[in-house]
PDB file of all heavy atoms in Angstrom:
ATOM      1  N   PHE A   1     -39.214 -47.041  26.677  1.00  0.00           N
ATOM      2  CA  PHE A   1     -39.273 -46.350  25.424  1.00  0.00           C
ATOM      3  C   PHE A   1     -38.238 -45.358  25.365  1.00  0.00           C
ATOM      4  O   PHE A   1     -38.059 -44.524  26.237  1.00  0.00           O
ATOM      5  CB  PHE A   1     -40.588 -45.731  25.139  1.00  0.00           C
ATOM      6  CG  PHE A   1     -41.761 -46.724  25.192  1.00  0.00           C
ATOM      7  CD1 PHE A   1     -42.502 -46.928  26.376  1.00  0.00           C
ATOM      8  CD2 PHE A   1     -42.142 -47.413  23.990  1.00  0.00           C
ATOM      9  CE1 PHE A   1     -43.697 -47.764  26.400  1.00  0.00           C
ATOM     10  CE2 PHE A   1     -43.238 -48.333  24.059  1.00  0.00           C
ATOM     11  CZ  PHE A   1     -43.921 -48.487  25.371  1.00  0.00           C
ATOM     12  N   SER A   2     -37.321 -45.412  24.426  1.00  0.00           N
ATOM     13  CA  SER A   2     -36.262 -44.341  24.153  1.00  0.00           C
ATOM     14  C   SER A   2     -36.647 -43.527  23.013  1.00  0.00           C
ATOM     15  O   SER A   2     -36.932 -43.946  21.910  1.00  0.00           O
ATOM     16  CB  SER A   2     -35.002 -45.153  23.919  1.00  0.00           C
ATOM     17  OG  SER A   2     -35.066 -45.878  22.692  1.00  0.00           O
ATOM     18  N   ALA A   3     -36.509 -42.269  23.220  1.00  0.00           N
ATOM     19  CA  ALA A   3     -36.741 -41.233  22.203  1.00  0.00           C
ATOM     20  C   ALA A   3     -35.658 -41.219  21.102  1.00  0.00           C
ATOM     21  O   ALA A   3     -34.520 -41.347  21.488  1.00  0.00           O
ATOM     22  CB  ALA A   3     -36.996 -39.904  22.728  1.00  0.00           C
ATOM     23  N   SER A   4     -35.986 -41.076  19.874  1.00  0.00           N
ATOM     24  CA  SER A   4     -34.896 -41.095  18.909  1.00  0.00           C
ATOM     25  C   SER A   4     -34.195 -39.681  19.033  1.00  0.00           C
ATOM     26  O   SER A   4     -34.767 -38.712  19.296  1.00  0.00           O
ATOM     27  CB  SER A   4     -35.511 -41.184  17.446  1.00  0.00           C
ATOM     28  OG  SER A   4     -36.475 -40.108  17.275  1.00  0.00           O
ATOM     29  N   VAL A   5     -32.919 -39.715  18.828  1.00  0.00           N
ATOM     30  CA  VAL A   5     -32.112 -38.605  18.854  1.00  0.00           C
ATOM     31  C   VAL A   5     -31.379 -38.234  17.556  1.00  0.00           C
ATOM     32  O   VAL A   5     -31.112 -39.256  16.753  1.00  0.00           O
ATOM     33  CB  VAL A   5     -31.044 -38.723  20.034  1.00  0.00           C
ATOM     34  CG1 VAL A   5     -31.683 -38.792  21.419  1.00  0.00           C
ATOM     35  CG2 VAL A   5     -30.153 -39.886  19.750  1.00  0.00           C
ATOM     36  N   GLU A   6     -31.110 -37.007  17.329  1.00  0.00           N
ATOM     37  CA  GLU A   6     -30.429 -36.647  16.072  1.00  0.00           C
ATOM     38  C   GLU A   6     -28.935 -36.962  16.188  1.00  0.00           C
ATOM     39  O   GLU A   6     -28.214 -36.886  17.250  1.00  0.00           O
ATOM     40  CB  GLU A   6     -30.497 -35.166  15.835  1.00  0.00           C
ATOM     41  CG  GLU A   6     -31.908 -34.643  15.511  1.00  0.00           C
ATOM     42  CD  GLU A   6     -32.333 -35.112  14.187  1.00  0.00           C
ATOM     43  OE1 GLU A   6     -31.591 -35.270  13.294  1.00  0.00           O
ATOM     44  OE2 GLU A   6     -33.657 -35.319  14.027  1.00  0.00           O
ATOM     45  N   PRO A   7     -28.338 -37.531  15.174  1.00  0.00           N
ATOM     46  CA  PRO A   7     -26.937 -37.919  15.149  1.00  0.00           C
ATOM     47  C   PRO A   7     -26.097 -36.646  15.056  1.00  0.00           C
ATOM     48  O   PRO A   7     -26.579 -35.496  14.777  1.00  0.00           O
ATOM     49  CB  PRO A   7     -26.850 -38.818  13.888  1.00  0.00           C
ATOM     50  CG  PRO A   7     -27.812 -38.284  12.998  1.00  0.00           C
ATOM     51  CD  PRO A   7     -29.034 -37.848  13.851  1.00  0.00           C
ATOM     52  N   LEU A   8     -24.773 -36.841  15.158  1.00  0.00           N
ATOM     53  CA  LEU A   8     -23.821 -35.675  14.871  1.00  0.00           C
ATOM     54  C   LEU A   8     -24.035 -35.210  13.492  1.00  0.00           C
ATOM     55  O   LEU A   8     -24.200 -35.989  12.484  1.00  0.00           O
ATOM     56  CB  LEU A   8     -22.402 -36.261  14.966  1.00  0.00           C
ATOM     57  CG  LEU A   8     -21.740 -36.398  16.402  1.00  0.00           C
ATOM     58  CD1 LEU A   8     -20.433 -37.210  16.322  1.00  0.00           C
ATOM     59  CD2 LEU A   8     -21.514 -34.933  16.919  1.00  0.00           C
ATOM     60  N   LYS A   9     -23.973 -33.951  13.311  1.00  0.00           N
ATOM     61  CA  LYS A   9     -24.188 -33.372  12.021  1.00  0.00           C
ATOM     62  C   LYS A   9     -22.959 -32.480  11.580  1.00  0.00           C
ATOM     63  O   LYS A   9     -22.527 -31.645  12.397  1.00  0.00           O
ATOM     64  CB  LYS A   9     -25.441 -32.516  11.863  1.00  0.00           C
ATOM     65  CG  LYS A   9     -25.729 -31.855  10.597  1.00  0.00           C
ATOM     66  CD  LYS A   9     -26.982 -30.990  10.702  1.00  0.00           C
ATOM     67  CE  LYS A   9     -27.281 -30.392   9.412  1.00  0.00           C
ATOM     68  NZ  LYS A   9     -28.490 -29.464   9.451  1.00  0.00           N
ATOM     69  N   ILE A  10     -22.451 -32.678  10.457  1.00  0.00           N
ATOM     70  CA  ILE A  10     -21.323 -31.892   9.997  1.00  0.00           C
ATOM     71  C   ILE A  10     -21.725 -31.027   8.784  1.00  0.00           C
ATOM     72  O   ILE A  10     -22.239 -31.501   7.862  1.00  0.00           O
ATOM     73  CB  ILE A  10     -20.144 -32.805   9.492  1.00  0.00           C
ATOM     74  CG1 ILE A  10     -19.662 -33.703  10.687  1.00  0.00           C
ATOM     75  CG2 ILE A  10     -18.879 -31.971   9.046  1.00  0.00           C
ATOM     76  CD1 ILE A  10     -18.551 -34.708  10.350  1.00  0.00           C
ATOM     77  N   GLU A  11     -21.405 -29.670   8.924  1.00  0.00           N
ATOM     78  CA  GLU A  11     -21.620 -28.778   7.717  1.00  0.00           C
ATOM     79  C   GLU A  11     -20.214 -28.332   7.304  1.00  0.00           C
ATOM     80  O   GLU A  11     -19.529 -27.810   8.088  1.00  0.00           O
ATOM     81  CB  GLU A  11     -22.405 -27.605   8.268  1.00  0.00           C
ATOM     82  CG  GLU A  11     -23.828 -27.985   8.806  1.00  0.00           C
ATOM     83  CD  GLU A  11     -24.607 -26.818   9.384  1.00  0.00           C
ATOM     84  OE1 GLU A  11     -24.713 -25.851   8.666  1.00  0.00           O
ATOM     85  OE2 GLU A  11     -24.859 -26.799  10.532  1.00  0.00           O
ATOM     86  N   HIS A  12     -19.957 -28.523   5.982  1.00  0.00           N
ATOM     87  CA  HIS A  12     -18.649 -28.255   5.472  1.00  0.00           C
ATOM     88  C   HIS A  12     -18.703 -27.843   4.014  1.00  0.00           C
ATOM     89  O   HIS A  12     -19.385 -28.565   3.207  1.00  0.00           O
ATOM     90  CB  HIS A  12     -17.739 -29.499   5.522  1.00  0.00           C
ATOM     91  CG  HIS A  12     -16.328 -29.216   5.062  1.00  0.00           C
ATOM     92  ND1 HIS A  12     -15.428 -28.219   5.477  1.00  0.00           N
ATOM     93  CD2 HIS A  12     -15.741 -29.874   3.980  1.00  0.00           C
ATOM     94  CE1 HIS A  12     -14.334 -28.291   4.743  1.00  0.00           C
ATOM     95  NE2 HIS A  12     -14.536 -29.218   3.755  1.00  0.00           N
ATOM     96  N   SER A  13     -18.088 -26.717   3.667  1.00  0.00           N
ATOM     97  CA  SER A  13     -18.018 -26.251   2.244  1.00  0.00           C
ATOM     98  C   SER A  13     -16.659 -26.801   1.830  1.00  0.00           C
ATOM     99  O   SER A  13     -15.577 -26.307   2.301  1.00  0.00           O
ATOM    100  CB  SER A  13     -18.166 -24.765   2.163  1.00  0.00           C
ATOM    101  OG  SER A  13     -19.355 -24.260   2.623  1.00  0.00           O
ATOM    102  N   PRO A  14     -16.575 -27.679   0.829  1.00  0.00           N
ATOM    103  CA  PRO A  14     -15.398 -28.250   0.387  1.00  0.00           C
ATOM    104  C   PRO A  14     -14.346 -27.258  -0.002  1.00  0.00           C
ATOM    105  O   PRO A  14     -14.687 -26.261  -0.730  1.00  0.00           O
ATOM    106  CB  PRO A  14     -15.753 -29.246  -0.728  1.00  0.00           C
ATOM    107  CG  PRO A  14     -17.208 -29.437  -0.520  1.00  0.00           C
ATOM    108  CD  PRO A  14     -17.704 -28.226   0.082  1.00  0.00           C
ATOM    109  N   VAL A  15     -13.106 -27.451   0.307  1.00  0.00           N
ATOM    110  CA  VAL A  15     -11.980 -26.641  -0.234  1.00  0.00           C
ATOM    111  C   VAL A  15     -11.494 -27.382  -1.397  1.00  0.00           C
ATOM    112  O   VAL A  15     -11.100 -28.523  -1.459  1.00  0.00           O
ATOM    113  CB  VAL A  15     -10.856 -26.583   0.836  1.00  0.00           C
ATOM    114  CG1 VAL A  15      -9.755 -25.781   0.320  1.00  0.00           C
ATOM    115  CG2 VAL A  15     -11.396 -25.975   2.129  1.00  0.00           C
ATOM    116  N   THR A  16     -11.636 -26.697  -2.605  1.00  0.00           N
ATOM    117  CA  THR A  16     -11.276 -27.441  -3.838  1.00  0.00           C
ATOM    118  C   THR A  16     -10.101 -26.873  -4.485  1.00  0.00           C
ATOM    119  O   THR A  16      -9.585 -27.424  -5.488  1.00  0.00           O
ATOM    120  CB  THR A  16     -12.482 -27.271  -4.759  1.00  0.00           C
ATOM    121  OG1 THR A  16     -12.774 -25.847  -5.037  1.00  0.00           O
ATOM    122  CG2 THR A  16     -13.789 -27.951  -4.233  1.00  0.00           C
ATOM    123  N   LEU A  17      -9.564 -25.813  -4.013  1.00  0.00           N
ATOM    124  CA  LEU A  17      -8.393 -25.127  -4.711  1.00  0.00           C
ATOM    125  C   LEU A  17      -7.426 -24.513  -3.637  1.00  0.00           C
ATOM    126  O   LEU A  17      -7.891 -23.945  -2.680  1.00  0.00           O
ATOM    127  CB  LEU A  17      -8.861 -24.161  -5.743  1.00  0.00           C
ATOM    128  CG  LEU A  17      -7.835 -23.595  -6.699  1.00  0.00           C
ATOM    129  CD1 LEU A  17      -7.427 -24.734  -7.700  1.00  0.00           C
ATOM    130  CD2 LEU A  17      -8.423 -22.443  -7.465  1.00  0.00           C
ATOM    131  N   ALA A  18      -6.077 -24.735  -3.806  1.00  0.00           N
ATOM    132  CA  ALA A  18      -5.141 -24.135  -2.946  1.00  0.00           C
ATOM    133  C   ALA A  18      -3.946 -23.717  -3.748  1.00  0.00           C
ATOM    134  O   ALA A  18      -3.705 -24.219  -4.842  1.00  0.00           O
ATOM    135  CB  ALA A  18      -4.654 -25.106  -1.917  1.00  0.00           C
ATOM    136  N   VAL A  19      -3.228 -22.764  -3.221  1.00  0.00           N
ATOM    137  CA  VAL A  19      -2.110 -22.155  -3.883  1.00  0.00           C
ATOM    138  C   VAL A  19      -0.805 -22.812  -3.215  1.00  0.00           C
ATOM    139  O   VAL A  19      -0.646 -22.784  -1.991  1.00  0.00           O
ATOM    140  CB  VAL A  19      -2.002 -20.689  -3.761  1.00  0.00           C
ATOM    141  CG1 VAL A  19      -0.650 -20.039  -4.365  1.00  0.00           C
ATOM    142  CG2 VAL A  19      -3.164 -20.060  -4.417  1.00  0.00           C
ATOM    143  N   ARG A  20       0.057 -23.370  -4.084  1.00  0.00           N
ATOM    144  CA  ARG A  20       1.241 -23.984  -3.647  1.00  0.00           C
ATOM    145  C   ARG A  20       2.034 -22.938  -2.811  1.00  0.00           C
ATOM    146  O   ARG A  20       2.281 -21.885  -3.214  1.00  0.00           O
ATOM    147  CB  ARG A  20       2.115 -24.488  -4.870  1.00  0.00           C
ATOM    148  CG  ARG A  20       3.380 -25.262  -4.435  1.00  0.00           C
ATOM    149  CD  ARG A  20       3.913 -26.000  -5.618  1.00  0.00           C
ATOM    150  NE  ARG A  20       3.085 -27.215  -5.901  1.00  0.00           N
ATOM    151  CZ  ARG A  20       2.309 -27.282  -6.959  1.00  0.00           C
ATOM    152  NH1 ARG A  20       2.249 -26.288  -7.820  1.00  0.00           N
ATOM    153  NH2 ARG A  20       1.705 -28.389  -7.277  1.00  0.00           N
ATOM    154  N   GLY A  21       2.682 -23.474  -1.653  1.00  0.00           N
ATOM    155  CA  GLY A  21       3.477 -22.552  -0.891  1.00  0.00           C
ATOM    156  C   GLY A  21       2.700 -21.812   0.195  1.00  0.00           C
ATOM    157  O   GLY A  21       3.298 -21.088   1.018  1.00  0.00           O
ATOM    158  N   GLN A  22       1.349 -22.080   0.287  1.00  0.00           N
ATOM    159  CA  GLN A  22       0.556 -21.409   1.291  1.00  0.00           C
ATOM    160  C   GLN A  22      -0.180 -22.393   2.220  1.00  0.00           C
ATOM    161  O   GLN A  22      -0.506 -23.468   1.706  1.00  0.00           O
ATOM    162  CB  GLN A  22      -0.524 -20.394   0.655  1.00  0.00           C
ATOM    163  CG  GLN A  22       0.084 -19.227  -0.100  1.00  0.00           C
ATOM    164  CD  GLN A  22      -0.970 -18.269  -0.628  1.00  0.00           C
ATOM    165  OE1 GLN A  22      -2.108 -18.400  -0.302  1.00  0.00           O
ATOM    166  NE2 GLN A  22      -0.488 -17.355  -1.481  1.00  0.00           N
ATOM    167  N   ASN A  23      -0.414 -22.070   3.377  1.00  0.00           N
ATOM    168  CA  ASN A  23      -1.135 -22.862   4.269  1.00  0.00           C
ATOM    169  C   ASN A  23      -2.595 -23.105   3.775  1.00  0.00           C
ATOM    170  O   ASN A  23      -3.180 -22.189   3.144  1.00  0.00           O
ATOM    171  CB  ASN A  23      -1.340 -22.285   5.738  1.00  0.00           C
ATOM    172  CG  ASN A  23       0.056 -22.255   6.487  1.00  0.00           C
ATOM    173  OD1 ASN A  23       0.997 -22.933   6.049  1.00  0.00           O
ATOM    174  ND2 ASN A  23       0.104 -21.491   7.455  1.00  0.00           N
ATOM    175  N   ILE A  24      -3.094 -24.384   3.866  1.00  0.00           N
ATOM    176  CA  ILE A  24      -4.498 -24.693   3.387  1.00  0.00           C
ATOM    177  C   ILE A  24      -5.357 -24.700   4.599  1.00  0.00           C
ATOM    178  O   ILE A  24      -5.148 -25.470   5.546  1.00  0.00           O
ATOM    179  CB  ILE A  24      -4.488 -25.986   2.637  1.00  0.00           C
ATOM    180  CG1 ILE A  24      -3.447 -26.037   1.554  1.00  0.00           C
ATOM    181  CG2 ILE A  24      -5.951 -26.217   2.066  1.00  0.00           C
ATOM    182  CD1 ILE A  24      -3.424 -27.370   0.917  1.00  0.00           C
ATOM    183  N   LEU A  25      -6.325 -23.819   4.655  1.00  0.00           N
ATOM    184  CA  LEU A  25      -7.254 -23.635   5.839  1.00  0.00           C
ATOM    185  C   LEU A  25      -8.515 -24.326   5.613  1.00  0.00           C
ATOM    186  O   LEU A  25      -9.124 -24.346   4.501  1.00  0.00           O
ATOM    187  CB  LEU A  25      -7.491 -22.215   6.056  1.00  0.00           C
ATOM    188  CG  LEU A  25      -6.268 -21.228   6.199  1.00  0.00           C
ATOM    189  CD1 LEU A  25      -6.705 -19.792   6.370  1.00  0.00           C
ATOM    190  CD2 LEU A  25      -5.291 -21.723   7.304  1.00  0.00           C
ATOM    191  N   PHE A  26      -9.082 -25.037   6.636  1.00  0.00           N
ATOM    192  CA  PHE A  26     -10.259 -25.821   6.556  1.00  0.00           C
ATOM    193  C   PHE A  26     -11.140 -25.355   7.777  1.00  0.00           C
ATOM    194  O   PHE A  26     -10.674 -25.174   8.795  1.00  0.00           O
ATOM    195  CB  PHE A  26      -9.991 -27.384   6.713  1.00  0.00           C
ATOM    196  CG  PHE A  26      -9.175 -27.854   5.504  1.00  0.00           C
ATOM    197  CD1 PHE A  26      -7.763 -27.850   5.643  1.00  0.00           C
ATOM    198  CD2 PHE A  26      -9.745 -28.378   4.448  1.00  0.00           C
ATOM    199  CE1 PHE A  26      -6.978 -28.379   4.713  1.00  0.00           C
ATOM    200  CE2 PHE A  26      -9.004 -29.000   3.479  1.00  0.00           C
ATOM    201  CZ  PHE A  26      -7.562 -28.997   3.557  1.00  0.00           C
ATOM    202  N   ARG A  27     -12.375 -25.288   7.488  1.00  0.00           N
ATOM    203  CA  ARG A  27     -13.353 -25.027   8.614  1.00  0.00           C
ATOM    204  C   ARG A  27     -14.516 -25.869   8.474  1.00  0.00           C
ATOM    205  O   ARG A  27     -15.020 -26.227   7.292  1.00  0.00           O
ATOM    206  CB  ARG A  27     -13.632 -23.541   8.755  1.00  0.00           C
ATOM    207  CG  ARG A  27     -14.491 -22.999   7.634  1.00  0.00           C
ATOM    208  CD  ARG A  27     -14.584 -21.534   7.580  1.00  0.00           C
ATOM    209  NE  ARG A  27     -15.374 -21.029   6.505  1.00  0.00           N
ATOM    210  CZ  ARG A  27     -16.691 -20.895   6.482  1.00  0.00           C
ATOM    211  NH1 ARG A  27     -17.309 -21.139   7.568  1.00  0.00           N
ATOM    212  NH2 ARG A  27     -17.337 -20.455   5.431  1.00  0.00           N
ATOM    213  N   THR A  28     -15.227 -26.254   9.492  1.00  0.00           N
ATOM    214  CA  THR A  28     -16.420 -27.013   9.495  1.00  0.00           C
ATOM    215  C   THR A  28     -17.306 -26.636  10.739  1.00  0.00           C
ATOM    216  O   THR A  28     -16.781 -26.140  11.767  1.00  0.00           O
ATOM    217  CB  THR A  28     -16.123 -28.393   9.514  1.00  0.00           C
ATOM    218  OG1 THR A  28     -17.309 -29.233   9.129  1.00  0.00           O
ATOM    219  CG2 THR A  28     -15.513 -29.023  10.734  1.00  0.00           C
ATOM    220  N   ARG A  29     -18.551 -26.844  10.644  1.00  0.00           N
ATOM    221  CA  ARG A  29     -19.466 -26.656  11.778  1.00  0.00           C
ATOM    222  C   ARG A  29     -20.131 -27.907  12.107  1.00  0.00           C
ATOM    223  O   ARG A  29     -20.587 -28.675  11.239  1.00  0.00           O
ATOM    224  CB  ARG A  29     -20.505 -25.605  11.510  1.00  0.00           C
ATOM    225  CG  ARG A  29     -21.367 -25.204  12.588  1.00  0.00           C
ATOM    226  CD  ARG A  29     -22.303 -23.995  12.247  1.00  0.00           C
ATOM    227  NE  ARG A  29     -22.912 -23.377  13.395  1.00  0.00           N
ATOM    228  CZ  ARG A  29     -23.724 -22.398  13.336  1.00  0.00           C
ATOM    229  NH1 ARG A  29     -23.948 -21.839  12.259  1.00  0.00           N
ATOM    230  NH2 ARG A  29     -24.217 -21.820  14.451  1.00  0.00           N
ATOM    231  N   VAL A  30     -19.956 -28.247  13.473  1.00  0.00           N
ATOM    232  CA  VAL A  30     -20.472 -29.568  13.888  1.00  0.00           C
ATOM    233  C   VAL A  30     -21.550 -29.315  14.993  1.00  0.00           C
ATOM    234  O   VAL A  30     -21.457 -28.609  15.903  1.00  0.00           O
ATOM    235  CB  VAL A  30     -19.294 -30.421  14.607  1.00  0.00           C
ATOM    236  CG1 VAL A  30     -19.860 -31.745  15.031  1.00  0.00           C
ATOM    237  CG2 VAL A  30     -18.284 -30.590  13.589  1.00  0.00           C
ATOM    238  N   THR A  31     -22.692 -29.960  14.764  1.00  0.00           N
ATOM    239  CA  THR A  31     -23.826 -29.931  15.627  1.00  0.00           C
ATOM    240  C   THR A  31     -23.929 -31.296  16.447  1.00  0.00           C
ATOM    241  O   THR A  31     -24.033 -32.305  15.770  1.00  0.00           O
ATOM    242  CB  THR A  31     -25.098 -29.683  14.942  1.00  0.00           C
ATOM    243  OG1 THR A  31     -25.073 -28.526  14.134  1.00  0.00           O
ATOM    244  CG2 THR A  31     -26.323 -29.583  15.939  1.00  0.00           C
ATOM    245  N   PRO A  32     -23.822 -31.184  17.728  1.00  0.00           N
ATOM    246  CA  PRO A  32     -23.843 -32.487  18.516  1.00  0.00           C
ATOM    247  C   PRO A  32     -25.195 -33.159  18.502  1.00  0.00           C
ATOM    248  O   PRO A  32     -26.171 -32.536  18.238  1.00  0.00           O
ATOM    249  CB  PRO A  32     -23.442 -32.099  19.875  1.00  0.00           C
ATOM    250  CG  PRO A  32     -23.903 -30.609  20.029  1.00  0.00           C
ATOM    251  CD  PRO A  32     -23.596 -30.066  18.586  1.00  0.00           C
ATOM    252  N   GLY A  33     -25.207 -34.531  18.733  1.00  0.00           N
ATOM    253  CA  GLY A  33     -26.460 -35.215  18.799  1.00  0.00           C
ATOM    254  C   GLY A  33     -26.809 -35.416  20.246  1.00  0.00           C
ATOM    255  O   GLY A  33     -27.073 -34.423  21.022  1.00  0.00           O
ATOM    256  N   ALA A  34     -26.846 -36.686  20.695  1.00  0.00           N
ATOM    257  CA  ALA A  34     -27.257 -36.989  22.139  1.00  0.00           C
ATOM    258  C   ALA A  34     -26.190 -36.673  23.124  1.00  0.00           C
ATOM    259  O   ALA A  34     -26.312 -36.483  24.243  1.00  0.00           O
ATOM    260  CB  ALA A  34     -27.712 -38.366  22.196  1.00  0.00           C
ATOM    261  N   HIS A  35     -24.885 -36.583  22.552  1.00  0.00           N
ATOM    262  CA  HIS A  35     -23.739 -36.399  23.452  1.00  0.00           C
ATOM    263  C   HIS A  35     -22.818 -35.358  23.059  1.00  0.00           C
ATOM    264  O   HIS A  35     -22.756 -34.842  21.875  1.00  0.00           O
ATOM    265  CB  HIS A  35     -22.966 -37.739  23.558  1.00  0.00           C
ATOM    266  CG  HIS A  35     -23.746 -38.923  24.008  1.00  0.00           C
ATOM    267  ND1 HIS A  35     -24.108 -39.234  25.221  1.00  0.00           N
ATOM    268  CD2 HIS A  35     -24.220 -39.959  23.118  1.00  0.00           C
ATOM    269  CE1 HIS A  35     -24.879 -40.338  25.306  1.00  0.00           C
ATOM    270  NE2 HIS A  35     -24.982 -40.842  24.050  1.00  0.00           N
ATOM    271  N   PRO A  36     -22.123 -34.714  23.964  1.00  0.00           N
ATOM    272  CA  PRO A  36     -21.161 -33.736  23.533  1.00  0.00           C
ATOM    273  C   PRO A  36     -19.999 -34.181  22.646  1.00  0.00           C
ATOM    274  O   PRO A  36     -19.761 -35.292  22.644  1.00  0.00           O
ATOM    275  CB  PRO A  36     -20.474 -33.214  24.891  1.00  0.00           C
ATOM    276  CG  PRO A  36     -21.483 -33.716  25.965  1.00  0.00           C
ATOM    277  CD  PRO A  36     -22.028 -35.057  25.377  1.00  0.00           C
ATOM    278  N   ILE A  37     -19.516 -33.166  21.860  1.00  0.00           N
ATOM    279  CA  ILE A  37     -18.482 -33.519  20.871  1.00  0.00           C
ATOM    280  C   ILE A  37     -17.209 -33.740  21.572  1.00  0.00           C
ATOM    281  O   ILE A  37     -16.688 -33.120  22.453  1.00  0.00           O
ATOM    282  CB  ILE A  37     -18.330 -32.396  20.019  1.00  0.00           C
ATOM    283  CG1 ILE A  37     -19.625 -32.060  19.083  1.00  0.00           C
ATOM    284  CG2 ILE A  37     -17.237 -32.645  18.896  1.00  0.00           C
ATOM    285  CD1 ILE A  37     -19.630 -30.854  18.394  1.00  0.00           C
TER     286      ILE A  37
END
């Protein structure tokens, strides 16, 4: 019998607007499931 495990989970607030000529920064939080990321 194998226990069910949670899958990889991504939490991300979408970047919807950027200013031309500036770097666009992105960030996200990832929660691993059965295996390391």
